[in-house]
């Protein structure tokens, strides 16, 4: 079994399972509150143009296992030049709780730092306790009251400050980077 990070476009056919899975998951978790959170899963997934997740300002990465996308994520610029906003971090349901999302999160952080970002901002939904645990466990700071009922907060924001990259680091994302399982 071999894993490989692939920096690509959101239009890459390999990304389809990622987006299909995200849409199904968002629909199943939030169908009853669509109006309150801003629309359907499909609308959320189509909210940003592909260029937002493309170098030199963004990135879109898939983690492939034997040529199949098992996880992925992206980032785009946030409100200031030093902050990247992470989006679309997702892992196939049957492969969760194996550290895969953590590996994708670390890859995105490393690439964001290589591209000059010093801070990460991200949000997750109030019905995604697994994501909250992932972010808190990976050094993110909650920008909301952790004691509050998540249903009343809706979008749960987090931040993390990134270390400066090594001076020899290249800002361009690698086209293919092997990772051995």
N, C-alpha and C. Protein backbone atom coordinates (compact mmCIF):
# COMPACT_ATOMS: atom_id res chain seq x y z
N UNK A 1 0.86 -1.17 0.00
CA UNK A 1 0.00 0.00 0.00
C UNK A 1 0.91 1.23 0.00
N UNK A 2 0.66 2.13 -0.95
CA UNK A 2 1.47 3.35 -0.99
C UNK A 2 0.58 4.57 -1.09
N UNK A 3 0.94 5.58 -0.29
CA UNK A 3 0.20 6.83 -0.25
C UNK A 3 1.03 7.90 -0.92
N UNK A 4 0.34 8.84 -1.57
CA UNK A 4 1.01 9.89 -2.33
C UNK A 4 0.19 11.17 -2.21
N UNK A 5 0.85 12.29 -1.85
CA UNK A 5 0.18 13.58 -1.90
C UNK A 5 0.26 14.09 -3.33
N UNK A 6 -0.85 14.55 -3.84
CA UNK A 6 -0.92 15.10 -5.19
C UNK A 6 -1.51 16.50 -5.12
N UNK A 7 -0.71 17.50 -5.50
CA UNK A 7 -1.22 18.87 -5.61
C UNK A 7 -1.83 18.99 -6.99
N UNK A 8 -3.09 19.39 -7.02
CA UNK A 8 -3.83 19.39 -8.26
C UNK A 8 -4.91 20.47 -8.20
N UNK A 9 -5.88 20.37 -9.07
CA UNK A 9 -6.98 21.32 -9.15
C UNK A 9 -8.26 20.69 -8.61
N UNK A 10 -9.17 21.51 -8.15
CA UNK A 10 -10.46 20.99 -7.70
C UNK A 10 -11.23 20.34 -8.85
N UNK A 11 -10.82 20.62 -10.08
CA UNK A 11 -11.48 20.02 -11.24
C UNK A 11 -10.89 18.67 -11.62
N UNK A 12 -9.84 18.23 -10.94
CA UNK A 12 -9.23 16.93 -11.24
C UNK A 12 -10.26 15.84 -10.99
N UNK A 13 -10.46 14.91 -11.95
CA UNK A 13 -11.43 13.82 -11.74
C UNK A 13 -11.14 12.99 -10.49
N UNK A 14 -9.88 12.94 -10.06
CA UNK A 14 -9.55 12.19 -8.85
C UNK A 14 -10.19 12.81 -7.60
N UNK A 15 -10.57 14.09 -7.69
CA UNK A 15 -11.17 14.78 -6.54
C UNK A 15 -12.66 14.50 -6.40
N UNK A 16 -13.28 13.94 -7.41
CA UNK A 16 -14.73 13.72 -7.37
C UNK A 16 -15.19 12.95 -6.13
N UNK A 17 -14.53 11.84 -5.74
CA UNK A 17 -14.98 11.14 -4.53
C UNK A 17 -14.91 12.02 -3.28
N UNK A 18 -13.93 12.88 -3.20
CA UNK A 18 -13.81 13.80 -2.07
C UNK A 18 -15.03 14.71 -2.01
N UNK A 19 -15.35 15.35 -3.12
CA UNK A 19 -16.47 16.28 -3.14
C UNK A 19 -17.81 15.58 -3.00
N UNK A 20 -17.96 14.41 -3.61
CA UNK A 20 -19.20 13.65 -3.45
C UNK A 20 -19.39 13.26 -1.98
N UNK A 21 -18.32 12.81 -1.35
CA UNK A 21 -18.40 12.43 0.06
C UNK A 21 -18.70 13.61 0.96
N UNK A 22 -18.04 14.74 0.71
CA UNK A 22 -18.32 15.94 1.49
C UNK A 22 -19.78 16.35 1.36
N UNK A 23 -20.29 16.34 0.13
CA UNK A 23 -21.68 16.74 -0.08
C UNK A 23 -22.64 15.81 0.66
N UNK A 24 -22.41 14.52 0.56
CA UNK A 24 -23.29 13.56 1.25
C UNK A 24 -23.22 13.76 2.77
N UNK A 25 -22.01 13.96 3.27
CA UNK A 25 -21.86 14.13 4.71
C UNK A 25 -22.51 15.41 5.20
N UNK A 26 -22.26 16.52 4.50
CA UNK A 26 -22.89 17.77 4.90
C UNK A 26 -24.41 17.67 4.84
N UNK A 27 -24.92 17.05 3.77
CA UNK A 27 -26.37 16.90 3.64
C UNK A 27 -26.94 16.06 4.78
N UNK A 28 -26.26 14.99 5.14
CA UNK A 28 -26.81 14.12 6.19
C UNK A 28 -26.73 14.78 7.57
N UNK A 29 -25.70 15.57 7.81
CA UNK A 29 -25.55 16.19 9.13
C UNK A 29 -26.36 17.48 9.29
N UNK A 30 -26.59 18.20 8.19
CA UNK A 30 -27.15 19.54 8.30
C UNK A 30 -28.44 19.78 7.52
N UNK A 31 -29.04 18.75 6.96
CA UNK A 31 -30.23 18.93 6.12
C UNK A 31 -31.34 19.68 6.84
N UNK A 32 -31.50 19.45 8.13
CA UNK A 32 -32.60 20.07 8.86
C UNK A 32 -32.35 21.53 9.24
N UNK A 33 -31.15 22.04 9.00
CA UNK A 33 -30.83 23.42 9.38
C UNK A 33 -30.22 24.22 8.22
N UNK A 34 -30.48 23.81 7.02
CA UNK A 34 -29.89 24.48 5.83
C UNK A 34 -30.09 25.99 5.84
N UNK A 35 -31.29 26.43 6.08
CA UNK A 35 -31.58 27.86 6.05
C UNK A 35 -30.78 28.64 7.07
N UNK A 36 -30.55 28.06 8.22
CA UNK A 36 -29.82 28.74 9.28
C UNK A 36 -28.32 28.82 9.01
N UNK A 37 -27.78 27.84 8.28
CA UNK A 37 -26.32 27.81 8.08
C UNK A 37 -25.89 28.32 6.70
N UNK A 38 -26.82 28.67 5.86
CA UNK A 38 -26.42 29.29 4.61
C UNK A 38 -26.61 28.50 3.34
N UNK A 39 -27.45 27.52 3.31
CA UNK A 39 -27.75 26.84 2.06
C UNK A 39 -27.36 25.37 2.05
N UNK A 40 -27.45 24.79 0.87
CA UNK A 40 -27.21 23.36 0.72
C UNK A 40 -25.72 23.05 0.70
N UNK A 41 -25.42 21.78 0.84
CA UNK A 41 -24.03 21.32 0.77
C UNK A 41 -23.43 21.65 -0.60
N UNK A 42 -24.19 21.43 -1.64
CA UNK A 42 -23.69 21.72 -2.99
C UNK A 42 -23.36 23.20 -3.15
N UNK A 43 -24.23 24.07 -2.63
CA UNK A 43 -23.96 25.51 -2.69
C UNK A 43 -22.68 25.86 -1.95
N UNK A 44 -22.49 25.25 -0.80
CA UNK A 44 -21.25 25.50 -0.03
C UNK A 44 -20.02 25.04 -0.81
N UNK A 45 -20.10 23.87 -1.42
CA UNK A 45 -18.95 23.33 -2.15
C UNK A 45 -18.65 24.11 -3.44
N UNK A 46 -19.64 24.83 -3.94
CA UNK A 46 -19.43 25.62 -5.17
C UNK A 46 -19.27 27.11 -4.88
N UNK A 47 -19.15 27.46 -3.62
CA UNK A 47 -19.09 28.86 -3.22
C UNK A 47 -17.84 29.59 -3.73
N UNK A 48 -16.74 28.89 -3.85
CA UNK A 48 -15.47 29.53 -4.22
C UNK A 48 -15.00 29.04 -5.58
N UNK A 49 -14.42 29.93 -6.39
CA UNK A 49 -13.91 29.49 -7.69
C UNK A 49 -12.66 28.63 -7.52
N UNK A 50 -12.40 27.79 -8.50
CA UNK A 50 -11.22 26.91 -8.45
C UNK A 50 -9.94 27.70 -8.27
N UNK A 51 -9.88 28.90 -8.86
CA UNK A 51 -8.67 29.72 -8.77
C UNK A 51 -8.32 30.09 -7.33
N UNK A 52 -9.30 30.12 -6.44
CA UNK A 52 -9.04 30.45 -5.04
C UNK A 52 -8.14 29.41 -4.39
N UNK A 53 -8.18 28.18 -4.89
CA UNK A 53 -7.41 27.08 -4.32
C UNK A 53 -6.21 26.72 -5.19
N UNK A 54 -5.74 27.65 -5.98
CA UNK A 54 -4.60 27.40 -6.88
C UNK A 54 -3.42 28.28 -6.50
N UNK A 55 -2.22 27.75 -6.75
CA UNK A 55 -1.00 28.53 -6.52
C UNK A 55 -1.04 29.76 -7.43
N UNK A 56 -0.48 30.85 -7.02
CA UNK A 56 0.41 30.99 -5.87
C UNK A 56 -0.30 31.37 -4.57
N UNK A 57 -1.62 31.58 -4.60
CA UNK A 57 -2.31 32.03 -3.38
C UNK A 57 -2.95 30.90 -2.59
N UNK A 58 -3.18 29.77 -3.21
CA UNK A 58 -3.85 28.66 -2.55
C UNK A 58 -3.23 27.34 -2.93
N UNK A 59 -3.88 26.27 -2.51
CA UNK A 59 -3.43 24.92 -2.85
C UNK A 59 -4.59 23.96 -2.64
N UNK A 60 -4.58 22.90 -3.42
CA UNK A 60 -5.54 21.82 -3.29
C UNK A 60 -4.74 20.53 -3.35
N UNK A 61 -4.86 19.71 -2.32
CA UNK A 61 -4.07 18.48 -2.26
C UNK A 61 -4.98 17.29 -2.00
N UNK A 62 -4.66 16.22 -2.66
CA UNK A 62 -5.32 14.94 -2.42
C UNK A 62 -4.29 13.98 -1.85
N UNK A 63 -4.73 13.13 -0.96
CA UNK A 63 -3.91 12.02 -0.52
C UNK A 63 -4.44 10.80 -1.24
N UNK A 64 -3.59 10.27 -2.11
CA UNK A 64 -3.98 9.11 -2.90
C UNK A 64 -3.40 7.85 -2.27
N UNK A 65 -4.18 6.82 -2.27
CA UNK A 65 -3.71 5.49 -1.86
C UNK A 65 -3.95 4.57 -3.04
N UNK A 66 -2.85 4.07 -3.55
CA UNK A 66 -2.91 3.20 -4.73
C UNK A 66 -3.73 3.84 -5.85
N UNK A 67 -3.54 5.16 -6.02
CA UNK A 67 -4.17 5.89 -7.11
C UNK A 67 -5.58 6.39 -6.84
N UNK A 68 -6.14 6.14 -5.65
CA UNK A 68 -7.50 6.54 -5.31
C UNK A 68 -7.44 7.61 -4.21
N UNK A 69 -8.21 8.68 -4.38
CA UNK A 69 -8.24 9.74 -3.37
C UNK A 69 -8.94 9.22 -2.11
N UNK A 70 -8.20 9.23 -1.00
CA UNK A 70 -8.76 8.79 0.27
C UNK A 70 -8.98 9.95 1.23
N UNK A 71 -8.34 11.09 0.93
CA UNK A 71 -8.46 12.26 1.79
C UNK A 71 -7.96 13.46 1.00
N UNK A 72 -8.20 14.63 1.54
CA UNK A 72 -7.71 15.83 0.87
C UNK A 72 -8.09 17.07 1.62
N UNK A 73 -7.67 18.18 1.07
CA UNK A 73 -8.00 19.47 1.65
C UNK A 73 -7.44 20.58 0.80
N UNK A 74 -7.75 21.81 1.19
CA UNK A 74 -7.36 22.96 0.38
C UNK A 74 -7.16 24.17 1.27
N UNK A 75 -6.52 25.18 0.71
CA UNK A 75 -6.52 26.48 1.37
C UNK A 75 -6.56 27.57 0.33
N UNK A 76 -6.99 28.73 0.81
CA UNK A 76 -7.10 29.93 -0.01
C UNK A 76 -6.75 31.11 0.89
N UNK A 77 -6.53 32.29 0.32
CA UNK A 77 -6.25 33.44 1.17
C UNK A 77 -7.47 33.77 2.03
N UNK A 78 -7.19 34.25 3.24
CA UNK A 78 -8.28 34.70 4.12
C UNK A 78 -8.36 36.22 4.00
N UNK A 79 -8.61 36.92 5.05
CA UNK A 79 -8.84 38.36 4.97
C UNK A 79 -7.57 39.20 4.95
N UNK A 80 -6.46 38.64 5.36
CA UNK A 80 -5.20 39.39 5.33
C UNK A 80 -4.13 38.55 4.64
N UNK A 81 -3.07 39.20 4.22
CA UNK A 81 -2.04 38.54 3.41
C UNK A 81 -1.29 37.44 4.17
N UNK A 82 -1.34 37.45 5.49
CA UNK A 82 -0.61 36.46 6.28
C UNK A 82 -1.43 35.23 6.66
N UNK A 83 -2.72 35.22 6.31
CA UNK A 83 -3.60 34.15 6.78
C UNK A 83 -4.17 33.33 5.63
N UNK A 84 -3.99 32.01 5.75
CA UNK A 84 -4.60 31.05 4.82
C UNK A 84 -5.85 30.49 5.49
N UNK A 85 -6.90 30.31 4.71
CA UNK A 85 -8.10 29.68 5.23
C UNK A 85 -8.19 28.26 4.68
N UNK A 86 -8.19 27.30 5.58
CA UNK A 86 -8.27 25.90 5.20
C UNK A 86 -9.73 25.52 4.97
N UNK A 87 -9.94 24.72 3.92
CA UNK A 87 -11.28 24.29 3.54
C UNK A 87 -11.22 22.83 3.08
N UNK A 88 -12.36 22.18 3.05
CA UNK A 88 -12.56 20.90 2.38
C UNK A 88 -11.68 19.77 2.90
N UNK A 89 -11.33 19.78 4.18
CA UNK A 89 -10.54 18.69 4.74
C UNK A 89 -11.50 17.53 5.02
N UNK A 90 -11.23 16.41 4.40
CA UNK A 90 -12.16 15.29 4.48
C UNK A 90 -11.42 13.98 4.22
N UNK A 91 -11.87 12.91 4.87
CA UNK A 91 -11.31 11.57 4.69
C UNK A 91 -12.46 10.60 4.47
N UNK A 92 -12.24 9.62 3.62
CA UNK A 92 -13.27 8.60 3.40
C UNK A 92 -13.69 8.01 4.75
N UNK A 93 -15.00 7.84 4.97
CA UNK A 93 -15.49 7.37 6.27
C UNK A 93 -14.86 6.06 6.75
N UNK A 94 -14.64 5.10 5.88
CA UNK A 94 -14.09 3.82 6.29
C UNK A 94 -12.62 3.86 6.69
N UNK A 95 -11.98 5.00 6.48
CA UNK A 95 -10.55 5.13 6.80
C UNK A 95 -10.29 6.13 7.92
N UNK A 96 -11.31 6.53 8.60
CA UNK A 96 -11.14 7.52 9.67
C UNK A 96 -10.54 6.88 10.91
N UNK A 97 -10.02 7.77 11.78
CA UNK A 97 -9.42 7.38 13.06
C UNK A 97 -8.12 6.60 12.86
N UNK A 98 -7.43 6.91 11.75
CA UNK A 98 -6.15 6.29 11.46
C UNK A 98 -5.04 7.34 11.29
N UNK A 99 -5.34 8.60 11.59
CA UNK A 99 -4.33 9.65 11.47
C UNK A 99 -4.21 10.24 10.08
N UNK A 100 -5.10 9.86 9.17
CA UNK A 100 -5.01 10.33 7.79
C UNK A 100 -5.32 11.83 7.70
N UNK A 101 -6.38 12.28 8.34
CA UNK A 101 -6.73 13.71 8.30
C UNK A 101 -5.62 14.54 8.94
N UNK A 102 -5.00 14.02 9.97
CA UNK A 102 -3.89 14.72 10.62
C UNK A 102 -2.73 14.89 9.64
N UNK A 103 -2.46 13.87 8.84
CA UNK A 103 -1.39 13.96 7.84
C UNK A 103 -1.72 15.02 6.79
N UNK A 104 -2.98 15.06 6.35
CA UNK A 104 -3.40 16.06 5.37
C UNK A 104 -3.30 17.46 5.98
N UNK A 105 -3.75 17.60 7.21
CA UNK A 105 -3.69 18.89 7.89
C UNK A 105 -2.23 19.37 7.99
N UNK A 106 -1.32 18.47 8.35
CA UNK A 106 0.09 18.84 8.44
C UNK A 106 0.65 19.22 7.08
N UNK A 107 0.28 18.50 6.05
CA UNK A 107 0.74 18.82 4.69
C UNK A 107 0.24 20.20 4.28
N UNK A 108 -1.02 20.50 4.56
CA UNK A 108 -1.55 21.82 4.23
C UNK A 108 -0.83 22.92 5.01
N UNK A 109 -0.57 22.69 6.28
CA UNK A 109 0.17 23.68 7.07
C UNK A 109 1.56 23.91 6.51
N UNK A 110 2.25 22.83 6.17
CA UNK A 110 3.60 22.96 5.62
C UNK A 110 3.59 23.75 4.31
N UNK A 111 2.62 23.46 3.45
CA UNK A 111 2.54 24.16 2.17
C UNK A 111 2.15 25.62 2.37
N UNK A 112 1.23 25.88 3.27
CA UNK A 112 0.84 27.27 3.54
C UNK A 112 2.05 28.06 4.03
N UNK A 113 2.85 27.48 4.89
CA UNK A 113 4.07 28.16 5.37
C UNK A 113 5.05 28.38 4.22
N UNK A 114 5.21 27.39 3.35
CA UNK A 114 6.11 27.55 2.19
C UNK A 114 5.63 28.69 1.28
N UNK A 115 4.33 28.91 1.23
CA UNK A 115 3.77 29.97 0.40
C UNK A 115 3.71 31.31 1.12
N UNK A 116 4.26 31.37 2.31
CA UNK A 116 4.40 32.64 3.01
C UNK A 116 3.34 32.96 4.03
N UNK A 117 2.39 32.08 4.24
CA UNK A 117 1.37 32.32 5.25
C UNK A 117 1.94 32.08 6.65
N UNK A 118 1.49 32.87 7.60
CA UNK A 118 1.97 32.76 8.98
C UNK A 118 0.86 32.32 9.94
N UNK A 119 -0.36 32.27 9.44
CA UNK A 119 -1.50 31.92 10.29
C UNK A 119 -2.50 31.13 9.46
N UNK A 120 -3.16 30.20 10.12
CA UNK A 120 -4.24 29.44 9.50
C UNK A 120 -5.53 29.79 10.23
N UNK A 121 -6.58 29.98 9.46
CA UNK A 121 -7.93 30.16 9.97
C UNK A 121 -8.78 29.09 9.33
N UNK A 122 -9.68 28.50 10.08
CA UNK A 122 -10.61 27.53 9.51
C UNK A 122 -11.86 27.49 10.36
N UNK A 123 -12.91 27.00 9.76
CA UNK A 123 -14.15 26.77 10.51
C UNK A 123 -14.59 25.34 10.26
N UNK A 124 -15.34 24.83 11.20
CA UNK A 124 -15.99 23.55 11.01
C UNK A 124 -17.43 23.70 11.48
N UNK A 125 -18.23 22.75 11.12
CA UNK A 125 -19.64 22.82 11.49
C UNK A 125 -19.88 22.35 12.91
N UNK A 126 -20.98 22.79 13.48
CA UNK A 126 -21.31 22.49 14.86
C UNK A 126 -21.69 21.04 15.09
N UNK A 127 -21.90 20.27 14.04
CA UNK A 127 -22.20 18.85 14.17
C UNK A 127 -21.04 17.98 13.70
N UNK A 128 -19.85 18.48 13.89
CA UNK A 128 -18.65 17.74 13.49
C UNK A 128 -17.66 17.68 14.66
N UNK A 129 -18.04 16.97 15.73
CA UNK A 129 -17.15 16.90 16.89
C UNK A 129 -15.81 16.25 16.59
N UNK A 130 -15.77 15.37 15.59
CA UNK A 130 -14.51 14.74 15.22
C UNK A 130 -13.53 15.78 14.71
N UNK A 131 -14.02 16.73 13.91
CA UNK A 131 -13.17 17.79 13.38
C UNK A 131 -12.69 18.70 14.51
N UNK A 132 -13.58 19.02 15.44
CA UNK A 132 -13.19 19.84 16.59
C UNK A 132 -12.05 19.16 17.33
N UNK A 133 -12.17 17.88 17.57
CA UNK A 133 -11.12 17.13 18.26
C UNK A 133 -9.82 17.12 17.48
N UNK A 134 -9.91 16.96 16.15
CA UNK A 134 -8.72 16.98 15.31
C UNK A 134 -8.00 18.31 15.44
N UNK A 135 -8.72 19.41 15.30
CA UNK A 135 -8.08 20.72 15.32
C UNK A 135 -7.51 21.05 16.70
N UNK A 136 -8.26 20.78 17.75
CA UNK A 136 -7.74 21.04 19.09
C UNK A 136 -6.51 20.18 19.37
N UNK A 137 -6.55 18.94 18.93
CA UNK A 137 -5.42 18.02 19.14
C UNK A 137 -4.20 18.35 18.30
N UNK A 138 -4.37 19.18 17.29
CA UNK A 138 -3.26 19.54 16.40
C UNK A 138 -2.79 20.98 16.68
N UNK A 139 -3.15 21.51 17.83
CA UNK A 139 -2.62 22.81 18.24
C UNK A 139 -3.41 24.02 17.81
N UNK A 140 -4.61 23.83 17.33
CA UNK A 140 -5.44 24.97 16.95
C UNK A 140 -6.12 25.55 18.18
N UNK A 141 -6.35 26.84 18.15
CA UNK A 141 -7.02 27.55 19.23
C UNK A 141 -8.45 27.85 18.78
N UNK A 142 -9.41 27.45 19.60
CA UNK A 142 -10.81 27.75 19.31
C UNK A 142 -11.05 29.24 19.47
N UNK A 143 -11.74 29.84 18.50
CA UNK A 143 -12.09 31.26 18.55
C UNK A 143 -13.56 31.42 18.95
N UNK A 144 -14.04 30.47 19.73
CA UNK A 144 -15.40 30.48 20.23
C UNK A 144 -15.36 29.85 21.62
N UNK A 145 -16.41 30.00 22.35
CA UNK A 145 -16.50 29.45 23.70
C UNK A 145 -16.70 27.93 23.61
N UNK A 146 -15.71 27.19 24.03
CA UNK A 146 -15.79 25.73 23.97
C UNK A 146 -16.88 25.17 24.89
N UNK A 147 -17.31 25.96 25.86
CA UNK A 147 -18.35 25.50 26.79
C UNK A 147 -19.76 25.77 26.25
N UNK A 148 -19.86 26.58 25.22
CA UNK A 148 -21.17 26.91 24.65
C UNK A 148 -21.73 25.71 23.88
N UNK A 149 -23.04 25.66 23.76
CA UNK A 149 -23.69 24.64 22.95
C UNK A 149 -23.33 24.91 21.49
N UNK A 150 -22.63 23.96 20.81
CA UNK A 150 -22.22 24.19 19.42
C UNK A 150 -23.37 24.56 18.49
N UNK A 151 -24.57 24.06 18.77
CA UNK A 151 -25.73 24.37 17.93
C UNK A 151 -26.04 25.87 17.94
N UNK A 152 -25.67 26.56 19.01
CA UNK A 152 -25.92 28.00 19.09
C UNK A 152 -24.81 28.81 18.43
N UNK A 153 -23.65 28.19 18.22
CA UNK A 153 -22.52 28.89 17.61
C UNK A 153 -22.55 28.71 16.09
N UNK A 154 -22.98 27.57 15.61
CA UNK A 154 -23.11 27.20 14.20
C UNK A 154 -21.77 26.97 13.53
N UNK A 155 -21.05 28.02 13.15
CA UNK A 155 -19.75 27.86 12.50
C UNK A 155 -18.67 28.02 13.56
N UNK A 156 -17.85 27.00 13.75
CA UNK A 156 -16.87 26.99 14.82
C UNK A 156 -15.49 27.37 14.27
N UNK A 157 -15.01 28.59 14.55
CA UNK A 157 -13.74 29.04 14.00
C UNK A 157 -12.54 28.65 14.87
N UNK A 158 -11.42 28.41 14.21
CA UNK A 158 -10.15 28.06 14.85
C UNK A 158 -9.03 28.83 14.17
N UNK A 159 -7.90 28.96 14.88
CA UNK A 159 -6.71 29.53 14.29
C UNK A 159 -5.48 28.82 14.81
N UNK A 160 -4.42 28.94 14.04
CA UNK A 160 -3.11 28.41 14.44
C UNK A 160 -2.06 29.27 13.77
N UNK A 161 -1.05 29.63 14.53
CA UNK A 161 0.08 30.37 13.98
C UNK A 161 1.11 29.37 13.49
N UNK A 162 1.63 29.61 12.30
CA UNK A 162 2.57 28.68 11.68
C UNK A 162 4.00 29.10 11.95
N UNK A 163 4.89 28.13 12.10
CA UNK A 163 6.31 28.47 12.24
C UNK A 163 6.85 28.95 10.89
N UNK A 164 7.93 29.70 10.94
CA UNK A 164 8.58 30.12 9.71
C UNK A 164 9.16 28.90 9.02
N UNK A 165 9.03 28.80 7.70
CA UNK A 165 9.60 27.65 7.00
C UNK A 165 11.12 27.75 6.96
N UNK A 166 11.76 26.63 6.74
CA UNK A 166 13.21 26.59 6.57
C UNK A 166 13.58 27.47 5.39
N UNK A 167 14.67 28.25 5.47
CA UNK A 167 15.03 29.17 4.38
C UNK A 167 15.17 28.49 3.01
N UNK A 168 15.50 27.22 2.99
CA UNK A 168 15.67 26.52 1.71
C UNK A 168 14.36 25.98 1.16
N UNK A 169 13.26 26.16 1.89
CA UNK A 169 11.97 25.62 1.45
C UNK A 169 11.52 26.30 0.17
N UNK A 170 10.97 25.53 -0.72
CA UNK A 170 10.47 26.02 -1.99
C UNK A 170 8.98 26.28 -1.85
N UNK A 171 8.52 27.44 -2.28
CA UNK A 171 7.09 27.79 -2.14
C UNK A 171 6.20 26.99 -3.08
N UNK A 172 6.73 26.55 -4.21
CA UNK A 172 5.90 25.82 -5.17
C UNK A 172 5.55 24.45 -4.60
N UNK A 173 4.30 24.06 -4.68
CA UNK A 173 3.93 22.74 -4.16
C UNK A 173 4.55 21.64 -5.02
N UNK A 174 4.98 20.57 -4.39
CA UNK A 174 5.48 19.46 -5.18
C UNK A 174 4.34 18.87 -5.99
N UNK A 175 4.60 18.46 -7.20
CA UNK A 175 3.55 17.86 -8.02
C UNK A 175 3.13 16.51 -7.48
N UNK A 176 4.08 15.74 -7.06
CA UNK A 176 3.79 14.45 -6.46
C UNK A 176 4.79 14.25 -5.33
N UNK A 177 4.28 13.83 -4.20
CA UNK A 177 5.16 13.59 -3.07
C UNK A 177 4.76 12.26 -2.47
N UNK A 178 5.63 11.32 -2.50
CA UNK A 178 5.32 10.00 -1.95
C UNK A 178 5.35 9.99 -0.45
N UNK A 179 4.44 9.24 0.12
CA UNK A 179 4.38 9.03 1.55
C UNK A 179 4.15 7.55 1.73
N UNK A 180 4.98 6.91 2.47
CA UNK A 180 4.83 5.48 2.67
C UNK A 180 4.02 5.21 3.92
N UNK A 181 3.06 4.32 3.78
CA UNK A 181 2.17 3.99 4.91
C UNK A 181 2.85 3.02 5.85
